[in-house]
């Protein structure tokens, strides 16, 4: 059986992921082969997305894989990714479903780890019972979570939350609460009637992690998950974040209407060094453009000074999918981020075509060079004695010139032998011809070896896997300033 394995160690949790490529009984034998194939592809894509730190899209791929093939091992991974995303409620629910499968699926290391992580995450779950004087919609951090009266408390991750209640004919009411793990808290809210309908305001702020307040009451941290309900008429919107100058704006909206505003926070020059850090970003492709909170940041590889806290980083380059992630910058040091840009399908196809052409030319050049080298070598061996034989014959003829014979006639004081001269010239031509042939043979060997070397270079430099989304085996590091880890993926 071939198994994909993902292991990541973060500051939050240990993550392991497995998906069998052949469907066991738990995967339902009646699932269509196309669905099984898509499930494997979805799961593999989830691994790649998680490797890049894109937990939300990775989770979506895992969920889709489970919809196609409801294998409990996928639930196991979903629960662990939820834990890594600091969402203990969803993590516990997913791991409970996994543990219900029982049998061989939950035996051994997966079951033990699931129980361990499940227990750790359950300690981070708080409960809140929201009570209102009339039925209302409850929003937690800008996301609808239920309606009053509640049948049972809402489960939330421990920490700070903004609880909002909305009811027709009443002014919206918000309150910030801080919840401890394994504690149930009751929140009583009284809605005040209004003769008009509320308005809705879409607020865009240049930096994440800024606190938004409406008429002095907290509305949450940027980026807000939804529009902000404001009373009709005048409403004062204020945005604050440590190290930035606060921004305040008064808007006027009619009842039932909607509007939008964009606010930009500017760094406070008087902010102390204790609230500053540096982001050192390295991109996989040269020439990539880097923006932080919408501002271009050239030279990010050398370090960009930023205020402590979350920042929205965007990296883009022609031919590659833009990369965007929120990164937490630590105080007093460097926060490292490596960005692996993913090529577009067009870039990937062009790279594959170029690599294929280089491989073809490389193989052809190696073949031609090898043939030329072998042919020249054979010719050199065949003519290896030609030079020595011709030299020996010429030397014998030269020896005859020292002793006049009946075959050589003296024609004058220059001591030139007309008959011997013709013979010597012929022998000299034979020697020169033999040397030329030997030189051509050696030159052919050299040219053939050089051609084979060029072909080998073309073959090795034609990297067909440069932009392959996932190799069969690799190990890499990731960090976003808030967590860091080691990811190892392989097929075995």
Protein backbone atom coordinates (compact mmCIF):
# COMPACT_ATOMS: atom_id res chain seq x y z
CA UNK A 1 0.00 0.00 0.00
CA UNK A 2 1.30 3.47 -0.90
CA UNK A 3 0.83 6.06 1.82
CA UNK A 4 1.28 9.83 1.83
CA UNK A 5 2.65 11.10 5.13
CA UNK A 6 2.83 14.67 6.40
CA UNK A 7 4.56 15.49 9.70
CA UNK A 8 4.76 19.08 10.96
CA UNK A 9 5.95 20.29 14.35
CA UNK A 10 4.62 23.74 15.29
CA UNK A 11 4.32 25.81 18.41
CA UNK A 12 0.68 24.78 18.52
CA UNK A 13 0.46 21.05 17.88
CA UNK A 14 2.07 18.05 16.23
CA UNK A 15 0.39 17.29 12.93
CA UNK A 16 0.41 13.96 11.11
CA UNK A 17 -1.45 13.13 7.95
CA UNK A 18 -2.00 9.93 6.08
CA UNK A 19 -4.16 8.94 3.16
CA UNK A 20 -4.13 5.46 1.65
CA UNK A 21 -3.98 5.52 -2.14
CA UNK A 22 -5.93 2.27 -2.31
CA UNK A 23 -9.40 2.46 -0.77
CA UNK A 24 -9.92 0.16 2.22
CA UNK A 25 -13.29 -1.04 3.41
CA UNK A 26 -13.73 2.15 5.41
CA UNK A 27 -13.53 4.15 2.20
CA UNK A 28 -16.66 2.37 0.84
CA UNK A 29 -16.19 0.00 -2.06
CA UNK A 30 -19.08 1.56 -4.00
CA UNK A 31 -17.25 4.88 -4.45
CA UNK A 32 -16.58 5.56 -8.13
CA UNK A 33 -12.94 5.33 -9.25
CA UNK A 34 -13.12 8.96 -10.43
CA UNK A 35 -14.17 10.06 -6.94
CA UNK A 36 -11.32 8.10 -5.36
CA UNK A 37 -8.85 9.64 -7.78
CA UNK A 38 -10.14 13.15 -7.10
CA UNK A 39 -10.01 12.51 -3.34
CA UNK A 40 -6.33 11.56 -3.57
CA UNK A 41 -5.59 14.65 -5.65
CA UNK A 42 -7.53 16.88 -3.22
CA UNK A 43 -5.65 15.43 -0.28
CA UNK A 44 -2.27 15.86 -1.99
CA UNK A 45 -3.18 19.47 -2.79
CA UNK A 46 -4.11 19.99 0.86
CA UNK A 47 -0.65 18.82 1.87
CA UNK A 48 1.01 21.22 -0.54
CA UNK A 49 -1.12 24.15 0.64
CA UNK A 50 -0.36 23.37 4.27
CA UNK A 51 3.33 23.23 3.42
CA UNK A 52 3.07 26.83 2.24
CA UNK A 53 1.25 27.84 5.44
CA UNK A 54 -2.12 28.26 3.71
CA UNK A 55 -4.14 26.41 6.31
CA UNK A 56 -7.61 27.60 5.29
CA UNK A 57 -7.45 26.40 1.66
CA UNK A 58 -5.67 23.25 2.83
CA UNK A 59 -8.58 22.55 5.17
CA UNK A 60 -11.04 23.08 2.32
CA UNK A 61 -9.24 20.47 0.21
CA UNK A 62 -9.22 17.98 3.09
CA UNK A 63 -12.96 18.49 3.59
CA UNK A 64 -13.65 17.96 -0.09
CA UNK A 65 -11.55 14.78 -0.03
CA UNK A 66 -13.66 13.52 2.89
CA UNK A 67 -16.89 14.32 1.05
CA UNK A 68 -15.70 12.22 -1.88
CA UNK A 69 -14.28 9.33 0.17
CA UNK A 70 -15.33 9.43 3.86
CA UNK A 71 -12.17 7.80 5.17
CA UNK A 72 -11.72 8.41 8.93
CA UNK A 73 -8.01 9.09 8.38
CA UNK A 74 -9.01 12.26 6.53
CA UNK A 75 -11.07 13.31 9.56
CA UNK A 76 -7.96 12.73 11.63
CA UNK A 77 -6.06 15.21 9.48
CA UNK A 78 -8.90 17.72 9.48
CA UNK A 79 -8.92 17.71 13.27
CA UNK A 80 -5.18 18.22 13.51
CA UNK A 81 -5.19 21.06 10.98
CA UNK A 82 -7.99 22.74 12.95
CA UNK A 83 -5.75 22.48 16.00
CA UNK A 84 -2.89 24.11 14.10
CA UNK A 85 -5.28 26.91 13.08
CA UNK A 86 -6.08 27.63 16.75
CA UNK A 87 -9.68 26.43 16.39
CA UNK A 88 -10.07 23.98 19.27
CA UNK A 89 -13.85 23.56 18.99
CA UNK A 90 -13.72 22.28 15.42
CA UNK A 91 -10.58 20.26 16.23
CA UNK A 92 -12.30 18.40 19.07
CA UNK A 93 -15.42 17.71 16.97
CA UNK A 94 -13.39 16.28 14.07
CA UNK A 95 -11.17 14.15 16.31
CA UNK A 96 -14.21 12.81 18.19
CA UNK A 97 -15.68 11.68 14.86
CA UNK A 98 -12.38 10.01 13.99
CA UNK A 99 -12.19 8.19 17.32
CA UNK A 100 -15.75 6.91 16.89
CA UNK A 101 -14.56 4.82 13.93
CA UNK A 102 -12.64 2.55 16.31
CA UNK A 103 -11.05 -0.69 15.15
CA UNK A 104 -7.78 -0.77 13.25
CA UNK A 105 -8.22 2.81 12.06
CA UNK A 106 -7.76 4.32 15.53
CA UNK A 107 -5.28 1.73 16.76
CA UNK A 108 -1.65 2.58 17.23
CA UNK A 109 -0.07 6.00 16.81
CA UNK A 110 -2.98 7.79 15.00
CA UNK A 111 -5.45 6.93 17.75
CA UNK A 112 -3.05 7.79 20.56
CA UNK A 113 -2.12 11.11 18.97
CA UNK A 114 -5.76 11.93 18.25
CA UNK A 115 -6.68 11.35 21.91
CA UNK A 116 -3.71 13.38 23.11
CA UNK A 117 -4.46 16.34 20.85
CA UNK A 118 -8.17 16.07 21.55
CA UNK A 119 -7.56 16.33 25.31
CA UNK A 120 -5.18 19.27 24.84
CA UNK A 121 -7.65 21.14 22.66
CA UNK A 122 -10.62 20.50 24.93
CA UNK A 123 -8.81 22.37 27.70
CA UNK A 124 -8.86 25.47 25.47
CA UNK A 125 -12.62 25.45 24.93
CA UNK A 126 -14.78 27.89 26.85
CA UNK A 127 -18.58 28.16 26.90
CA UNK A 128 -20.77 31.23 26.90
CA UNK A 129 -24.51 31.46 27.42
CA UNK A 130 -25.92 34.64 25.84
CA UNK A 131 -29.22 35.80 27.31
CA UNK A 132 -31.23 38.65 25.76
CA UNK A 133 -34.50 40.31 26.64
CA UNK A 134 -35.93 39.44 23.21
CA UNK A 135 -35.03 36.99 20.42
CA UNK A 136 -31.87 38.14 18.65
CA UNK A 137 -29.14 36.98 16.31
CA UNK A 138 -25.80 36.37 18.00
CA UNK A 139 -22.55 37.19 16.22
CA UNK A 140 -19.16 36.17 17.58
CA UNK A 141 -16.28 38.20 16.15
CA UNK A 142 -18.52 39.32 13.28
CA UNK A 143 -19.73 35.81 12.35
CA UNK A 144 -23.26 34.61 13.09
CA UNK A 145 -23.16 31.91 15.78
CA UNK A 146 -26.80 31.34 16.79
CA UNK A 147 -30.05 32.90 17.99
CA UNK A 148 -31.48 33.54 21.42
CA UNK A 149 -32.91 31.90 23.37
CA UNK A 150 -30.07 29.38 23.23
CA UNK A 151 -30.74 25.76 24.05
CA UNK A 152 -27.16 25.28 25.20
CA UNK A 153 -24.08 27.45 25.64
CA UNK A 154 -21.93 28.35 22.65
CA UNK A 155 -18.49 26.78 22.58
CA UNK A 156 -15.61 29.14 21.78
CA UNK A 157 -11.85 29.13 21.88
CA UNK A 158 -10.52 30.65 25.08
CA UNK A 159 -9.41 34.27 24.78
CA UNK A 160 -10.97 37.60 23.83
CA UNK A 161 -14.10 37.76 21.67
CA UNK A 162 -16.56 40.43 20.56
CA UNK A 163 -20.17 39.32 21.13
CA UNK A 164 -22.83 41.16 19.15
CA UNK A 165 -26.62 40.77 19.32
CA UNK A 166 -28.92 42.05 16.60
CA UNK A 167 -32.68 42.19 16.58
CA UNK A 168 -35.18 43.91 14.34
CA UNK A 169 -36.38 47.17 15.81
CA UNK A 170 -33.49 47.32 18.29
CA UNK A 171 -30.14 49.02 18.38
CA UNK A 172 -27.23 46.63 17.85
CA UNK A 173 -25.36 45.77 21.01
CA UNK A 174 -21.74 44.65 21.28
CA UNK A 175 -19.63 43.58 24.21
CA UNK A 176 -16.09 42.27 24.43
CA UNK A 177 -15.55 39.27 26.68
CA UNK A 178 -12.48 37.30 27.73
CA UNK A 179 -13.10 33.62 28.33
CA UNK A 180 -10.93 31.08 30.14
CA UNK A 181 -10.73 27.47 29.01
CA UNK A 182 -13.18 24.95 30.52
CA UNK A 183 -15.24 27.78 32.07
CA UNK A 184 -18.89 28.59 31.30
CA UNK A 185 -19.84 32.26 31.43
CA UNK A 186 -23.30 33.82 31.17
CA UNK A 187 -23.69 37.14 29.36
CA UNK A 188 -26.93 39.08 29.90
CA UNK A 189 -27.60 41.72 27.27
CA UNK A 190 -30.51 44.13 27.10
CA UNK A 191 -31.54 45.34 23.66
CA UNK A 192 -32.93 48.84 23.39
CA UNK A 193 -35.75 49.52 20.93
CA UNK A 194 -35.36 51.96 18.05
CA UNK A 195 -37.87 53.38 15.66
CA UNK A 196 -35.55 52.97 12.69
CA UNK A 197 -33.61 50.15 11.07
CA UNK A 198 -29.87 49.90 11.50
CA UNK A 199 -27.41 50.73 8.74
CA UNK A 200 -24.44 48.59 7.70
CA UNK A 201 -20.91 49.81 7.15
CA UNK A 202 -18.15 47.92 5.34
CA UNK A 203 -14.85 49.02 6.84
CA UNK A 204 -11.46 48.50 5.16
CA UNK A 205 -8.30 49.27 7.16
CA UNK A 206 -4.77 49.31 5.73
CA UNK A 207 -3.27 47.10 8.45
CA UNK A 208 -4.59 43.96 10.19
CA UNK A 209 -4.85 43.57 13.95
CA UNK A 210 -6.25 47.07 14.55
CA UNK A 211 -9.11 47.53 17.03
CA UNK A 212 -12.27 49.05 15.59
CA UNK A 213 -14.79 50.82 17.79
CA UNK A 214 -18.17 52.27 16.86
CA UNK A 215 -19.41 55.08 19.07
CA UNK A 216 -16.89 54.01 21.69
CA UNK A 217 -17.81 50.30 21.70
CA UNK A 218 -15.51 47.63 20.32
CA UNK A 219 -16.51 46.08 16.99
CA UNK A 220 -13.57 43.67 16.63
CA UNK A 221 -10.12 43.52 15.07
CA UNK A 222 -9.28 44.08 11.44
CA UNK A 223 -9.86 42.59 9.01
CA UNK A 224 -13.52 42.43 10.06
CA UNK A 225 -15.31 39.27 8.94
CA UNK A 226 -18.50 41.14 8.07
CA UNK A 227 -19.99 44.58 7.81
CA UNK A 228 -20.54 46.58 11.00
CA UNK A 229 -24.10 47.39 12.05
CA UNK A 230 -24.35 51.06 13.04
CA UNK A 231 -27.28 53.17 14.20
CA UNK A 232 -28.69 55.43 11.48
CA UNK A 233 -27.56 58.99 11.54
CA UNK A 234 -24.10 59.87 12.77
CA UNK A 235 -21.66 57.19 13.91
CA UNK A 236 -18.05 57.68 14.97
CA UNK A 237 -15.64 55.03 13.76
CA UNK A 238 -12.26 54.86 15.50
CA UNK A 239 -9.34 52.58 14.66
CA UNK A 240 -6.35 52.05 16.96
CA UNK A 241 -3.25 49.88 17.01
CA UNK A 242 -0.09 50.12 19.05
CA UNK A 243 2.64 52.04 17.25
CA UNK A 244 0.21 53.74 14.85
CA UNK A 245 -1.55 57.08 15.04
CA UNK A 246 -5.26 56.53 15.80
CA UNK A 247 -7.75 57.39 13.06
CA UNK A 248 -11.29 58.59 13.65
CA UNK A 249 -14.05 59.22 11.14
CA UNK A 250 -17.72 60.19 11.51
CA UNK A 251 -20.10 58.71 8.97
CA UNK A 252 -23.76 59.46 8.31
CA UNK A 253 -25.98 56.68 7.05
CA UNK A 254 -29.73 56.53 6.56
CA UNK A 255 -31.76 53.79 8.16
CA UNK A 256 -31.48 50.47 6.36
CA UNK A 257 -28.74 51.79 4.07
CA UNK A 258 -25.20 50.56 3.63
CA UNK A 259 -21.88 52.25 3.01
CA UNK A 260 -18.17 51.66 3.00
CA UNK A 261 -15.09 53.56 4.10
CA UNK A 262 -11.35 52.94 3.88
CA UNK A 263 -9.03 54.07 6.65
CA UNK A 264 -5.23 54.15 6.53
CA UNK A 265 -3.12 53.96 9.66
CA UNK A 266 0.22 55.78 9.71
CA UNK A 267 3.17 54.70 11.83
CA UNK A 268 3.86 56.90 14.82
CA UNK A 269 7.45 58.22 14.52
CA UNK A 270 7.64 58.44 18.30
CA UNK A 271 6.88 54.72 18.79
CA UNK A 272 9.56 53.12 21.01
CA UNK A 273 11.97 50.51 19.67
CA UNK A 274 10.35 47.91 21.92
CA UNK A 275 7.32 47.78 19.60
CA UNK A 276 9.37 47.33 16.43
CA UNK A 277 10.89 44.35 14.65
CA UNK A 278 12.10 43.34 11.20
CA UNK A 279 10.66 41.09 8.51
CA UNK A 280 13.25 39.30 6.39
CA UNK A 281 11.56 37.82 3.33
CA UNK A 282 13.10 35.51 0.75
CA UNK A 283 11.21 34.60 -2.44
CA UNK A 284 11.85 31.51 -4.53
CA UNK A 285 11.90 33.61 -7.71
CA UNK A 286 14.13 36.64 -8.34
CA UNK A 287 12.55 39.96 -9.19
CA UNK A 288 9.38 39.39 -7.14
CA UNK A 289 7.51 42.50 -5.94
CA UNK A 290 6.83 42.63 -2.20
CA UNK A 291 4.17 44.76 -0.51
CA UNK A 292 3.42 44.93 3.20
CA UNK A 293 0.05 46.36 4.23
CA UNK A 294 -0.35 47.65 0.66
CA UNK A 295 2.99 49.51 0.62
CA UNK A 296 5.80 48.42 -1.72
CA UNK A 297 8.83 47.15 0.21
CA UNK A 298 11.90 46.76 -2.03
CA UNK A 299 14.90 45.04 -0.50
CA UNK A 300 12.74 42.84 1.74
CA UNK A 301 15.44 40.16 1.70
CA UNK A 302 17.70 42.52 3.68
CA UNK A 303 14.99 43.13 6.28
CA UNK A 304 12.02 45.51 6.47
CA UNK A 305 11.50 47.42 9.74
CA UNK A 306 7.89 46.98 10.89
CA UNK A 307 5.83 47.49 13.99
CA UNK A 308 5.20 44.44 16.15
CA UNK A 309 2.09 42.46 15.35
CA UNK A 310 0.25 41.16 12.28
CA UNK A 311 0.94 42.49 8.79
CA UNK A 312 -0.48 41.54 5.41
CA UNK A 313 2.34 40.42 3.10
CA UNK A 314 1.81 40.09 -0.64
CA UNK A 315 4.42 38.78 -3.10
CA UNK A 316 3.82 38.71 -6.84
CA UNK A 317 5.75 38.18 -10.06
CA UNK A 318 4.63 37.78 -13.64
CA UNK A 319 3.88 34.17 -14.51
CA UNK A 320 3.26 33.15 -10.86
CA UNK A 321 0.22 33.02 -8.59
CA UNK A 322 0.29 35.97 -6.15
CA UNK A 323 1.17 34.95 -2.59
CA UNK A 324 -0.65 36.60 0.31
CA UNK A 325 -0.45 35.84 4.01
CA UNK A 326 -0.80 37.56 7.36
CA UNK A 327 2.51 37.42 9.24
CA UNK A 328 3.18 38.25 12.89
CA UNK A 329 6.37 40.30 13.38
CA UNK A 330 8.15 39.69 16.67
CA UNK A 331 9.68 42.46 18.76
CA UNK A 332 13.39 43.21 18.79
CA UNK A 333 14.52 40.70 16.18
CA UNK A 334 14.11 39.30 12.68
CA UNK A 335 11.06 37.36 11.56
CA UNK A 336 12.01 35.16 8.61
CA UNK A 337 9.58 34.19 5.87
CA UNK A 338 10.34 32.08 2.82
CA UNK A 339 7.84 32.44 -0.02
CA UNK A 340 7.62 29.64 -2.55
CA UNK A 341 5.84 31.18 -5.54
CA UNK A 342 3.62 28.77 -7.47
CA UNK A 343 3.81 29.10 -11.26
CA UNK A 344 0.71 29.63 -13.35
CA UNK A 345 -0.31 26.77 -15.67
CA UNK A 346 1.13 28.74 -18.59
CA UNK A 347 4.49 29.18 -16.87
CA UNK A 348 4.56 25.53 -15.86
CA UNK A 349 3.80 24.45 -19.44
CA UNK A 350 6.45 26.76 -20.85
CA UNK A 351 9.00 25.44 -18.34
CA UNK A 352 8.11 21.84 -19.18
CA UNK A 353 8.42 22.54 -22.92
CA UNK A 354 11.79 24.22 -22.43
CA UNK A 355 13.06 21.39 -20.24
CA UNK A 356 11.82 18.82 -22.75
CA UNK A 357 13.59 20.61 -25.60
CA UNK A 358 16.82 20.79 -23.60
CA UNK A 359 16.59 17.07 -22.85
CA UNK A 360 16.03 16.22 -26.52
CA UNK A 361 18.93 18.40 -27.64
CA UNK A 362 21.07 17.05 -24.83
CA UNK A 363 20.42 13.44 -25.76
CA UNK A 364 20.96 14.17 -29.45
CA UNK A 365 24.22 16.00 -28.76
CA UNK A 366 25.46 13.23 -26.47
CA UNK A 367 24.66 10.66 -29.17
CA UNK A 368 26.37 12.63 -31.93
CA UNK A 369 29.40 13.32 -29.72
CA UNK A 370 29.67 9.67 -28.73
CA UNK A 371 29.48 8.53 -32.36
CA UNK A 372 32.09 11.07 -33.42
CA UNK A 373 34.40 10.09 -30.55
CA UNK A 374 34.09 6.37 -31.26
CA UNK A 375 34.53 6.85 -35.01
CA UNK A 376 37.56 9.08 -34.58
CA UNK A 377 39.02 6.67 -32.04
CA UNK A 378 38.62 3.72 -34.41
CA UNK A 379 40.22 5.73 -37.22
CA UNK A 380 43.09 6.74 -34.91
CA UNK A 381 43.73 3.12 -34.01
CA UNK A 382 43.58 2.05 -37.66
CA UNK A 383 46.16 4.67 -38.70
CA UNK A 384 48.31 4.53 -35.57
CA UNK A 385 51.35 3.08 -37.48
CA UNK A 386 50.99 5.21 -40.62
CA UNK A 387 53.14 8.11 -39.34
CA UNK A 388 55.94 5.91 -38.03
CA UNK A 389 55.99 3.84 -41.25
CA UNK A 390 56.09 6.95 -43.45
CA UNK A 391 58.84 8.50 -41.30
CA UNK A 392 60.89 5.32 -41.50
CA UNK A 393 60.56 5.19 -45.30
CA UNK A 394 61.53 8.85 -45.64
CA UNK A 395 64.57 8.39 -43.36
CA UNK A 396 65.75 5.50 -45.55
CA UNK A 397 65.51 7.64 -48.64
CA UNK A 398 67.42 10.46 -46.99
CA UNK A 399 70.20 8.00 -46.17
CA UNK A 400 70.60 7.20 -49.88
CA UNK A 401 71.42 10.83 -50.65
CA UNK A 402 74.69 10.51 -48.77
CA UNK A 403 75.91 7.78 -51.17
CA UNK A 404 75.48 8.40 -54.94
CA UNK A 405 74.38 5.28 -56.69
CA UNK A 406 73.32 4.33 -60.12
CA UNK A 407 69.76 5.32 -59.15
CA UNK A 408 70.76 8.86 -58.15
CA UNK A 409 72.61 11.16 -60.55
CA UNK A 410 74.61 14.25 -59.60
CA UNK A 411 73.31 17.18 -61.72
CA UNK A 412 75.42 20.04 -60.43
CA UNK A 413 77.38 21.68 -57.62
CA UNK A 414 74.18 21.99 -55.55
CA UNK A 415 74.41 18.24 -55.03
CA UNK A 416 70.79 17.85 -56.08
CA UNK A 417 69.73 14.37 -57.08
CA UNK A 418 66.90 14.65 -59.58
CA UNK A 419 65.71 11.05 -59.31
CA UNK A 420 66.21 10.77 -55.55
CA UNK A 421 64.55 14.19 -55.10
CA UNK A 422 61.36 13.02 -56.71
CA UNK A 423 61.33 9.91 -54.53
CA UNK A 424 62.05 11.91 -51.37
CA UNK A 425 59.25 14.40 -52.19
CA UNK A 426 56.78 11.56 -52.59
CA UNK A 427 57.82 10.04 -49.29
CA UNK A 428 57.54 13.45 -47.59
CA UNK A 429 54.01 13.83 -48.96
CA UNK A 430 53.13 10.43 -47.53
CA UNK A 431 54.47 11.50 -44.11
CA UNK A 432 52.57 14.80 -44.16
CA UNK A 433 49.38 12.99 -45.16
CA UNK A 434 49.77 10.49 -42.29
CA UNK A 435 50.33 13.30 -39.77
CA UNK A 436 47.25 15.14 -41.09
CA UNK A 437 45.11 12.02 -40.70
CA UNK A 438 46.38 11.49 -37.16
CA UNK A 439 45.64 15.13 -36.30
CA UNK A 440 42.13 14.84 -37.72
CA UNK A 441 41.53 11.68 -35.67
CA UNK A 442 42.65 13.37 -32.45
CA UNK A 443 40.60 16.47 -33.31
CA UNK A 444 37.56 14.27 -33.92
CA UNK A 445 37.99 12.63 -30.52
CA UNK A 446 38.28 16.05 -28.83
CA UNK A 447 35.26 17.50 -30.67
CA UNK A 448 33.18 14.39 -29.93
CA UNK A 449 34.06 14.49 -26.22
CA UNK A 450 33.24 18.20 -26.08
CA UNK A 451 29.89 17.63 -27.80
CA UNK A 452 29.06 14.83 -25.38
CA UNK A 453 29.92 17.15 -22.49
CA UNK A 454 27.65 19.89 -23.86
CA UNK A 455 24.88 17.32 -24.29
CA UNK A 456 25.31 16.11 -20.72
CA UNK A 457 25.07 19.70 -19.47
CA UNK A 458 21.87 20.30 -21.48
CA UNK A 459 20.41 17.05 -20.18
CA UNK A 460 21.21 17.79 -16.54
CA UNK A 461 20.15 21.45 -16.70
CA UNK A 462 16.81 20.56 -18.26
CA UNK A 463 15.09 20.36 -14.85
CA UNK A 464 11.62 19.10 -15.70
CA UNK A 465 10.61 19.06 -12.00
CA UNK A 466 11.49 22.66 -11.19
CA UNK A 467 7.85 23.72 -10.98
CA UNK A 468 6.36 20.35 -10.09
CA UNK A 469 3.84 21.04 -7.34
CA UNK A 470 4.82 18.04 -5.24
CA UNK A 471 7.67 15.64 -5.57
CA UNK A 472 7.60 12.10 -4.30
CA UNK A 473 9.85 13.00 -1.40
CA UNK A 474 10.96 16.27 0.15
CA UNK A 475 11.71 17.99 3.43
CA UNK A 476 11.24 21.73 4.02
CA UNK A 477 10.94 24.35 6.75
CA UNK A 478 8.23 26.98 7.16
CA UNK A 479 7.70 29.94 9.45
CA UNK A 480 5.25 32.83 9.59
CA UNK A 481 6.58 34.60 12.69
CA UNK A 482 3.94 33.06 14.93
CA UNK A 483 4.71 29.41 14.40
CA UNK A 484 7.42 27.40 12.72
CA UNK A 485 7.78 23.82 11.68
CA UNK A 486 9.33 21.02 9.69
CA UNK A 487 7.37 19.33 6.93
CA UNK A 488 8.40 15.97 5.49
CA UNK A 489 6.37 14.41 2.71
CA UNK A 490 7.10 11.16 0.99
CA UNK A 491 5.72 8.02 -0.61
CA UNK A 492 6.55 4.66 0.96
